[in-house]
Amino acid sequence: MPKDLIEIKSLLDDKLGEEIVVTVQMGRKKKRERRGTLAETYRSIFIVDLNEDNNIDRVSFSYRDVLTNAVEIEF
């Protein structure tokens, strides 16, 4: 896994438009998995377009969440 925020951002910049699986740690053994498309990256956050139940939603996550393992990403 990348060791700093700049490395995480550059990794995600290379994957724009690709399918992504985001697993969010919700506390004590609770996880929520979401699937979507990596839509945009900004200076401190990235945005995922979700397509769940024919409703399109947008969710943002920070690079810090990935660094601290609060959010796991897979392509």
N, C-alpha and C. Protein backbone atom coordinates (compact mmCIF):
# COMPACT_ATOMS: atom_id res chain seq x y z
N MET A 1 0.84 -1.18 0.00
CA MET A 1 0.00 0.00 0.00
C MET A 1 0.88 1.24 0.00
N PRO A 2 0.45 2.31 -0.64
CA PRO A 2 1.23 3.54 -0.68
C PRO A 2 1.50 4.09 0.72
N LYS A 3 2.62 4.82 0.84
CA LYS A 3 3.03 5.28 2.16
C LYS A 3 2.79 6.76 2.41
N ASP A 4 2.39 7.52 1.38
CA ASP A 4 2.08 8.92 1.63
C ASP A 4 0.92 9.38 0.74
N LEU A 5 0.38 10.54 1.07
CA LEU A 5 -0.82 11.05 0.40
C LEU A 5 -0.59 11.33 -1.08
N ILE A 6 0.58 11.84 -1.43
CA ILE A 6 0.89 12.15 -2.83
C ILE A 6 0.92 10.87 -3.67
N GLU A 7 1.46 9.82 -3.11
CA GLU A 7 1.52 8.54 -3.82
C GLU A 7 0.12 7.96 -4.03
N ILE A 8 -0.75 8.10 -3.03
CA ILE A 8 -2.13 7.62 -3.15
C ILE A 8 -2.87 8.41 -4.23
N LYS A 9 -2.70 9.74 -4.23
CA LYS A 9 -3.37 10.57 -5.24
C LYS A 9 -2.90 10.23 -6.64
N SER A 10 -1.60 10.04 -6.83
CA SER A 10 -1.09 9.73 -8.17
C SER A 10 -1.57 8.35 -8.63
N LEU A 11 -1.69 7.41 -7.71
CA LEU A 11 -2.21 6.08 -8.05
C LEU A 11 -3.66 6.20 -8.52
N LEU A 12 -4.46 6.99 -7.83
CA LEU A 12 -5.86 7.16 -8.20
C LEU A 12 -6.01 7.99 -9.48
N ASP A 13 -5.13 8.95 -9.70
CA ASP A 13 -5.17 9.73 -10.95
C ASP A 13 -5.00 8.83 -12.17
N ASP A 14 -4.18 7.80 -12.04
CA ASP A 14 -3.95 6.87 -13.14
C ASP A 14 -5.14 5.95 -13.38
N LYS A 15 -6.03 5.82 -12.41
CA LYS A 15 -7.16 4.89 -12.49
C LYS A 15 -8.51 5.59 -12.73
N LEU A 16 -8.51 6.86 -13.11
CA LEU A 16 -9.77 7.58 -13.34
C LEU A 16 -10.62 6.87 -14.38
N GLY A 17 -11.91 6.74 -14.09
CA GLY A 17 -12.85 6.12 -15.00
C GLY A 17 -12.96 4.61 -14.86
N GLU A 18 -12.14 4.01 -14.03
CA GLU A 18 -12.16 2.56 -13.85
C GLU A 18 -13.11 2.17 -12.72
N GLU A 19 -13.54 0.91 -12.76
CA GLU A 19 -14.39 0.36 -11.69
C GLU A 19 -13.55 0.26 -10.41
N ILE A 20 -14.18 0.56 -9.28
CA ILE A 20 -13.50 0.54 -8.00
C ILE A 20 -14.41 -0.09 -6.95
N VAL A 21 -13.80 -0.82 -6.02
CA VAL A 21 -14.52 -1.36 -4.87
C VAL A 21 -13.93 -0.68 -3.64
N VAL A 22 -14.80 -0.02 -2.87
CA VAL A 22 -14.38 0.70 -1.68
C VAL A 22 -14.99 0.01 -0.48
N THR A 23 -14.13 -0.38 0.46
CA THR A 23 -14.58 -1.01 1.71
C THR A 23 -14.34 -0.02 2.84
N VAL A 24 -15.41 0.37 3.51
CA VAL A 24 -15.34 1.37 4.57
C VAL A 24 -15.44 0.68 5.92
N GLN A 25 -14.51 0.98 6.82
CA GLN A 25 -14.55 0.47 8.18
C GLN A 25 -15.55 1.32 8.95
N MET A 26 -16.60 0.69 9.47
CA MET A 26 -17.64 1.43 10.16
C MET A 26 -17.58 1.23 11.68
N GLY A 27 -16.50 0.66 12.14
CA GLY A 27 -16.36 0.43 13.58
C GLY A 27 -16.49 -1.04 13.90
N ARG A 28 -16.07 -1.41 15.04
CA ARG A 28 -16.12 -2.76 15.60
C ARG A 28 -16.64 -3.84 14.67
N LYS A 29 -15.77 -4.35 13.86
CA LYS A 29 -16.05 -5.49 12.99
C LYS A 29 -17.14 -5.22 11.96
N LYS A 30 -17.47 -3.97 11.73
CA LYS A 30 -18.47 -3.64 10.72
C LYS A 30 -17.79 -3.02 9.51
N LYS A 31 -18.11 -3.55 8.35
CA LYS A 31 -17.57 -3.02 7.10
C LYS A 31 -18.70 -2.86 6.11
N ARG A 32 -18.54 -1.89 5.23
CA ARG A 32 -19.53 -1.70 4.16
C ARG A 32 -18.77 -1.61 2.85
N GLU A 33 -19.18 -2.46 1.92
CA GLU A 33 -18.52 -2.49 0.62
C GLU A 33 -19.40 -1.78 -0.40
N ARG A 34 -18.78 -0.90 -1.18
CA ARG A 34 -19.50 -0.18 -2.21
C ARG A 34 -18.73 -0.30 -3.52
N ARG A 35 -19.48 -0.41 -4.61
CA ARG A 35 -18.88 -0.53 -5.94
C ARG A 35 -19.31 0.65 -6.79
N GLY A 36 -18.39 1.10 -7.63
CA GLY A 36 -18.71 2.23 -8.49
C GLY A 36 -17.57 2.53 -9.44
N THR A 37 -17.57 3.75 -9.94
CA THR A 37 -16.57 4.21 -10.88
C THR A 37 -15.83 5.39 -10.27
N LEU A 38 -14.51 5.37 -10.35
CA LEU A 38 -13.72 6.48 -9.85
C LEU A 38 -13.93 7.67 -10.79
N ALA A 39 -14.60 8.71 -10.30
CA ALA A 39 -15.03 9.81 -11.16
C ALA A 39 -14.01 10.95 -11.22
N GLU A 40 -13.58 11.43 -10.07
CA GLU A 40 -12.73 12.61 -10.03
C GLU A 40 -11.77 12.52 -8.86
N THR A 41 -10.64 13.19 -9.00
CA THR A 41 -9.71 13.35 -7.89
C THR A 41 -9.44 14.83 -7.71
N TYR A 42 -9.37 15.24 -6.45
CA TYR A 42 -9.06 16.62 -6.11
C TYR A 42 -7.86 16.63 -5.18
N ARG A 43 -7.53 17.80 -4.67
CA ARG A 43 -6.33 17.93 -3.86
C ARG A 43 -6.35 17.04 -2.62
N SER A 44 -7.49 16.91 -1.97
CA SER A 44 -7.51 16.13 -0.73
C SER A 44 -8.58 15.05 -0.70
N ILE A 45 -9.43 14.96 -1.74
CA ILE A 45 -10.47 13.93 -1.77
C ILE A 45 -10.56 13.31 -3.16
N PHE A 46 -11.22 12.15 -3.21
CA PHE A 46 -11.58 11.55 -4.49
C PHE A 46 -13.05 11.19 -4.45
N ILE A 47 -13.69 11.17 -5.63
CA ILE A 47 -15.13 10.97 -5.73
C ILE A 47 -15.41 9.70 -6.50
N VAL A 48 -16.34 8.90 -5.96
CA VAL A 48 -16.76 7.65 -6.58
C VAL A 48 -18.23 7.77 -6.93
N ASP A 49 -18.57 7.50 -8.19
CA ASP A 49 -19.96 7.43 -8.62
C ASP A 49 -20.46 6.02 -8.37
N LEU A 50 -21.46 5.88 -7.49
CA LEU A 50 -22.01 4.57 -7.16
C LEU A 50 -23.21 4.28 -8.05
N ASN A 51 -23.40 3.03 -8.38
CA ASN A 51 -24.56 2.63 -9.16
C ASN A 51 -25.22 1.47 -8.44
N GLU A 52 -25.94 1.79 -7.39
CA GLU A 52 -26.61 0.77 -6.58
C GLU A 52 -28.11 0.90 -6.75
N ASP A 53 -28.76 -0.18 -7.08
CA ASP A 53 -30.22 -0.23 -7.21
C ASP A 53 -30.75 0.81 -8.21
N ASN A 54 -30.05 0.98 -9.30
CA ASN A 54 -30.41 1.91 -10.37
C ASN A 54 -30.47 3.36 -9.93
N ASN A 55 -29.95 3.67 -8.77
CA ASN A 55 -29.83 5.05 -8.31
C ASN A 55 -28.35 5.41 -8.36
N ILE A 56 -28.04 6.50 -8.99
CA ILE A 56 -26.65 6.90 -9.07
C ILE A 56 -26.37 7.91 -7.97
N ASP A 57 -25.44 7.59 -7.11
CA ASP A 57 -25.03 8.46 -6.01
C ASP A 57 -23.56 8.77 -6.15
N ARG A 58 -23.13 9.81 -5.50
CA ARG A 58 -21.73 10.19 -5.47
C ARG A 58 -21.28 10.18 -4.01
N VAL A 59 -20.10 9.62 -3.78
CA VAL A 59 -19.54 9.57 -2.44
C VAL A 59 -18.11 10.06 -2.53
N SER A 60 -17.69 10.82 -1.54
CA SER A 60 -16.30 11.28 -1.52
C SER A 60 -15.57 10.68 -0.33
N PHE A 61 -14.28 10.45 -0.54
CA PHE A 61 -13.40 9.93 0.49
C PHE A 61 -12.12 10.74 0.47
N SER A 62 -11.45 10.80 1.59
CA SER A 62 -10.18 11.52 1.63
C SER A 62 -9.02 10.53 1.47
N TYR A 63 -7.90 11.04 0.99
CA TYR A 63 -6.71 10.21 0.85
C TYR A 63 -6.21 9.77 2.22
N ARG A 64 -6.47 10.58 3.23
CA ARG A 64 -6.07 10.24 4.60
C ARG A 64 -6.78 8.97 5.08
N ASP A 65 -8.05 8.80 4.67
CA ASP A 65 -8.79 7.59 5.03
C ASP A 65 -8.11 6.35 4.46
N VAL A 66 -7.61 6.46 3.25
CA VAL A 66 -6.90 5.33 2.63
C VAL A 66 -5.59 5.08 3.35
N LEU A 67 -4.87 6.15 3.69
CA LEU A 67 -3.58 6.04 4.36
C LEU A 67 -3.72 5.37 5.73
N THR A 68 -4.79 5.69 6.46
CA THR A 68 -5.00 5.16 7.81
C THR A 68 -5.78 3.86 7.83
N ASN A 69 -6.09 3.31 6.64
CA ASN A 69 -6.81 2.05 6.49
C ASN A 69 -8.25 2.12 6.99
N ALA A 70 -8.82 3.31 7.08
CA ALA A 70 -10.25 3.43 7.38
C ALA A 70 -11.06 3.09 6.14
N VAL A 71 -10.42 3.24 4.97
CA VAL A 71 -11.04 2.91 3.69
C VAL A 71 -10.03 2.08 2.91
N GLU A 72 -10.51 0.96 2.36
CA GLU A 72 -9.67 0.11 1.51
C GLU A 72 -10.21 0.20 0.09
N ILE A 73 -9.31 0.26 -0.90
CA ILE A 73 -9.73 0.35 -2.29
C ILE A 73 -9.15 -0.80 -3.10
N GLU A 74 -9.94 -1.26 -4.06
CA GLU A 74 -9.51 -2.30 -4.99
C GLU A 74 -10.00 -1.91 -6.38
N PHE A 75 -9.22 -2.28 -7.39
CA PHE A 75 -9.63 -2.03 -8.78
C PHE A 75 -9.85 -3.33 -9.49
